[in-house]
Amino acid sequence: MSEKDEKLLVRKATLNLRRKYGRTKQINVVERDAFIPNTIEQEIRESIPKRKSIIATDIALKYDLRISAVKLLLKHYEQEGLIKLLDEDLKLKIYVPA
């Protein structure tokens, strides 16, 4: 893949919402690409054994990715045996290195 294909599609916009009595509120909207580039996926794979716990939101914030894409990646890593789920009863899925 070329470097052009490896770049993330991130669009940022600021919306002005009208409120009561002439006030306005600014909201930042960020659209991210639904796919994880191979270079970032390699970085995530190398950093997993060094971590004590793995949460999808932490990885998504660190690498500026969609949470849904990171959740699919973590589920794939669980099937490979790279990580395992800490407790199945929790609503928040916390993984630990296997």
C-alpha atoms as a PDB file:
ATOM      1  CA  MET A   1       0.000   0.000   0.000  1.00  0.00           C
ATOM      2  CA  SER A   2       1.135   3.503  -0.672  1.00  0.00           C
ATOM      3  CA  GLU A   3       1.324   6.198   1.980  1.00  0.00           C
ATOM      4  CA  LYS A   4      -1.787   7.778   0.527  1.00  0.00           C
ATOM      5  CA  ASP A   5      -3.795   4.646   1.393  1.00  0.00           C
ATOM      6  CA  GLU A   6      -2.297   4.513   4.894  1.00  0.00           C
ATOM      7  CA  LYS A   7      -3.543   7.943   5.965  1.00  0.00           C
ATOM      8  CA  LEU A   8      -6.580   8.179   8.204  1.00  0.00           C
ATOM      9  CA  LEU A   9      -9.595  10.045   6.974  1.00  0.00           C
ATOM     10  CA  VAL A  10     -10.298  12.580   9.698  1.00  0.00           C
ATOM     11  CA  ARG A  11     -12.594  15.500   9.091  1.00  0.00           C
ATOM     12  CA  LYS A  12     -13.138  18.068  11.776  1.00  0.00           C
ATOM     13  CA  ALA A  13     -15.865  20.667  11.816  1.00  0.00           C
ATOM     14  CA  THR A  14     -17.302  23.119  14.285  1.00  0.00           C
ATOM     15  CA  LEU A  15     -21.058  23.585  14.493  1.00  0.00           C
ATOM     16  CA  ASN A  16     -22.778  26.539  16.070  1.00  0.00           C
ATOM     17  CA  LEU A  17     -26.014  25.608  17.800  1.00  0.00           C
ATOM     18  CA  ARG A  18     -28.524  28.284  18.628  1.00  0.00           C
ATOM     19  CA  ARG A  19     -29.697  28.361  22.211  1.00  0.00           C
ATOM     20  CA  LYS A  20     -32.276  30.424  24.047  1.00  0.00           C
ATOM     21  CA  TYR A  21     -32.040  34.197  24.181  1.00  0.00           C
ATOM     22  CA  GLY A  22     -29.502  34.596  21.373  1.00  0.00           C
ATOM     23  CA  ARG A  23     -26.818  32.417  22.953  1.00  0.00           C
ATOM     24  CA  THR A  24     -24.876  29.971  20.791  1.00  0.00           C
ATOM     25  CA  LYS A  25     -22.942  26.827  21.636  1.00  0.00           C
ATOM     26  CA  GLN A  26     -20.060  25.448  19.586  1.00  0.00           C
ATOM     27  CA  ILE A  27     -19.731  21.689  19.120  1.00  0.00           C
ATOM     28  CA  ASN A  28     -16.695  20.012  17.541  1.00  0.00           C
ATOM     29  CA  VAL A  29     -17.598  17.148  15.205  1.00  0.00           C
ATOM     30  CA  VAL A  30     -14.909  14.633  14.168  1.00  0.00           C
ATOM     31  CA  GLU A  31     -15.453  11.988  11.485  1.00  0.00           C
ATOM     32  CA  ARG A  32     -12.895   9.178  11.494  1.00  0.00           C
ATOM     33  CA  ASP A  33     -12.129   6.449   8.976  1.00  0.00           C
ATOM     34  CA  ALA A  34     -13.793   3.083   9.689  1.00  0.00           C
ATOM     35  CA  PHE A  35     -10.645   1.075   8.917  1.00  0.00           C
ATOM     36  CA  ILE A  36      -7.394   0.830  10.851  1.00  0.00           C
ATOM     37  CA  PRO A  37      -4.228   1.266   8.732  1.00  0.00           C
ATOM     38  CA  ASN A  38      -1.660  -1.549   8.869  1.00  0.00           C
ATOM     39  CA  THR A  39       1.045   0.625  10.453  1.00  0.00           C
ATOM     40  CA  ILE A  40      -1.176   1.600  13.377  1.00  0.00           C
ATOM     41  CA  GLU A  41      -2.384  -1.995  13.746  1.00  0.00           C
ATOM     42  CA  GLN A  42       1.242  -3.137  14.049  1.00  0.00           C
ATOM     43  CA  GLU A  43       1.889  -0.504  16.748  1.00  0.00           C
ATOM     44  CA  ILE A  44      -1.173  -1.678  18.684  1.00  0.00           C
ATOM     45  CA  ARG A  45      -0.123  -5.338  18.379  1.00  0.00           C
ATOM     46  CA  GLU A  46       3.378  -4.523  19.705  1.00  0.00           C
ATOM     47  CA  SER A  47       2.081  -2.424  22.618  1.00  0.00           C
ATOM     48  CA  ILE A  48      -0.476  -4.979  23.899  1.00  0.00           C
ATOM     49  CA  PRO A  49       1.947  -7.284  25.802  1.00  0.00           C
ATOM     50  CA  LYS A  50       3.395  -4.261  27.651  1.00  0.00           C
ATOM     51  CA  ARG A  51       0.019  -3.166  29.052  1.00  0.00           C
ATOM     52  CA  LYS A  52      -1.641  -4.340  32.244  1.00  0.00           C
ATOM     53  CA  SER A  53      -5.166  -3.801  30.915  1.00  0.00           C
ATOM     54  CA  ILE A  54      -6.644  -3.043  27.514  1.00  0.00           C
ATOM     55  CA  ILE A  55      -9.814  -1.014  26.982  1.00  0.00           C
ATOM     56  CA  ALA A  56     -11.153  -0.058  23.549  1.00  0.00           C
ATOM     57  CA  THR A  57     -11.638   3.615  24.435  1.00  0.00           C
ATOM     58  CA  ASP A  58      -8.015   3.994  25.584  1.00  0.00           C
ATOM     59  CA  ILE A  59      -6.680   2.688  22.293  1.00  0.00           C
ATOM     60  CA  ALA A  60      -9.191   4.725  20.266  1.00  0.00           C
ATOM     61  CA  LEU A  61      -8.186   7.956  22.007  1.00  0.00           C
ATOM     62  CA  LYS A  62      -4.457   7.260  21.783  1.00  0.00           C
ATOM     63  CA  TYR A  63      -4.429   6.496  18.042  1.00  0.00           C
ATOM     64  CA  ASP A  64      -7.433   8.692  17.065  1.00  0.00           C
ATOM     65  CA  LEU A  65      -9.544   5.773  15.779  1.00  0.00           C
ATOM     66  CA  ARG A  66     -13.204   4.819  15.864  1.00  0.00           C
ATOM     67  CA  ILE A  67     -14.202   2.858  18.948  1.00  0.00           C
ATOM     68  CA  SER A  68     -16.218   0.395  16.856  1.00  0.00           C
ATOM     69  CA  ALA A  69     -13.159  -0.415  14.730  1.00  0.00           C
ATOM     70  CA  VAL A  70     -11.012  -0.928  17.839  1.00  0.00           C
ATOM     71  CA  LYS A  71     -13.661  -3.216  19.388  1.00  0.00           C
ATOM     72  CA  LEU A  72     -13.607  -5.409  16.270  1.00  0.00           C
ATOM     73  CA  LEU A  73      -9.808  -5.485  16.379  1.00  0.00           C
ATOM     74  CA  LEU A  74      -9.798  -6.522  20.051  1.00  0.00           C
ATOM     75  CA  LYS A  75     -12.350  -9.258  19.346  1.00  0.00           C
ATOM     76  CA  HIS A  76     -10.075 -10.518  16.552  1.00  0.00           C
ATOM     77  CA  TYR A  77      -7.061 -10.496  18.903  1.00  0.00           C
ATOM     78  CA  GLU A  78      -9.093 -12.459  21.459  1.00  0.00           C
ATOM     79  CA  GLN A  79      -9.851 -15.143  18.865  1.00  0.00           C
ATOM     80  CA  GLU A  80      -6.138 -15.306  18.009  1.00  0.00           C
ATOM     81  CA  GLY A  81      -5.295 -15.812  21.682  1.00  0.00           C
ATOM     82  CA  LEU A  82      -3.226 -12.629  21.994  1.00  0.00           C
ATOM     83  CA  ILE A  83      -5.509 -11.225  24.723  1.00  0.00           C
ATOM     84  CA  LYS A  84      -8.243 -12.569  26.974  1.00  0.00           C
ATOM     85  CA  LEU A  85     -11.337 -11.050  28.552  1.00  0.00           C
ATOM     86  CA  LEU A  86     -10.907 -10.261  32.248  1.00  0.00           C
ATOM     87  CA  ASP A  87     -14.540 -10.781  33.346  1.00  0.00           C
ATOM     88  CA  GLU A  88     -17.424 -11.707  31.047  1.00  0.00           C
ATOM     89  CA  ASP A  89     -20.077 -10.340  33.436  1.00  0.00           C
ATOM     90  CA  LEU A  90     -18.864  -6.732  33.252  1.00  0.00           C
ATOM     91  CA  LYS A  91     -20.570  -4.339  30.864  1.00  0.00           C
ATOM     92  CA  LEU A  92     -17.219  -2.654  30.129  1.00  0.00           C
ATOM     93  CA  LYS A  93     -14.986  -5.148  28.338  1.00  0.00           C
ATOM     94  CA  ILE A  94     -11.542  -5.165  29.917  1.00  0.00           C
ATOM     95  CA  TYR A  95      -8.890  -7.315  28.288  1.00  0.00           C
ATOM     96  CA  VAL A  96      -5.541  -8.488  29.656  1.00  0.00           C
ATOM     97  CA  PRO A  97      -2.563  -9.893  27.732  1.00  0.00           C
ATOM     98  CA  ALA A  98      -2.655 -13.693  27.483  1.00  0.00           C
END
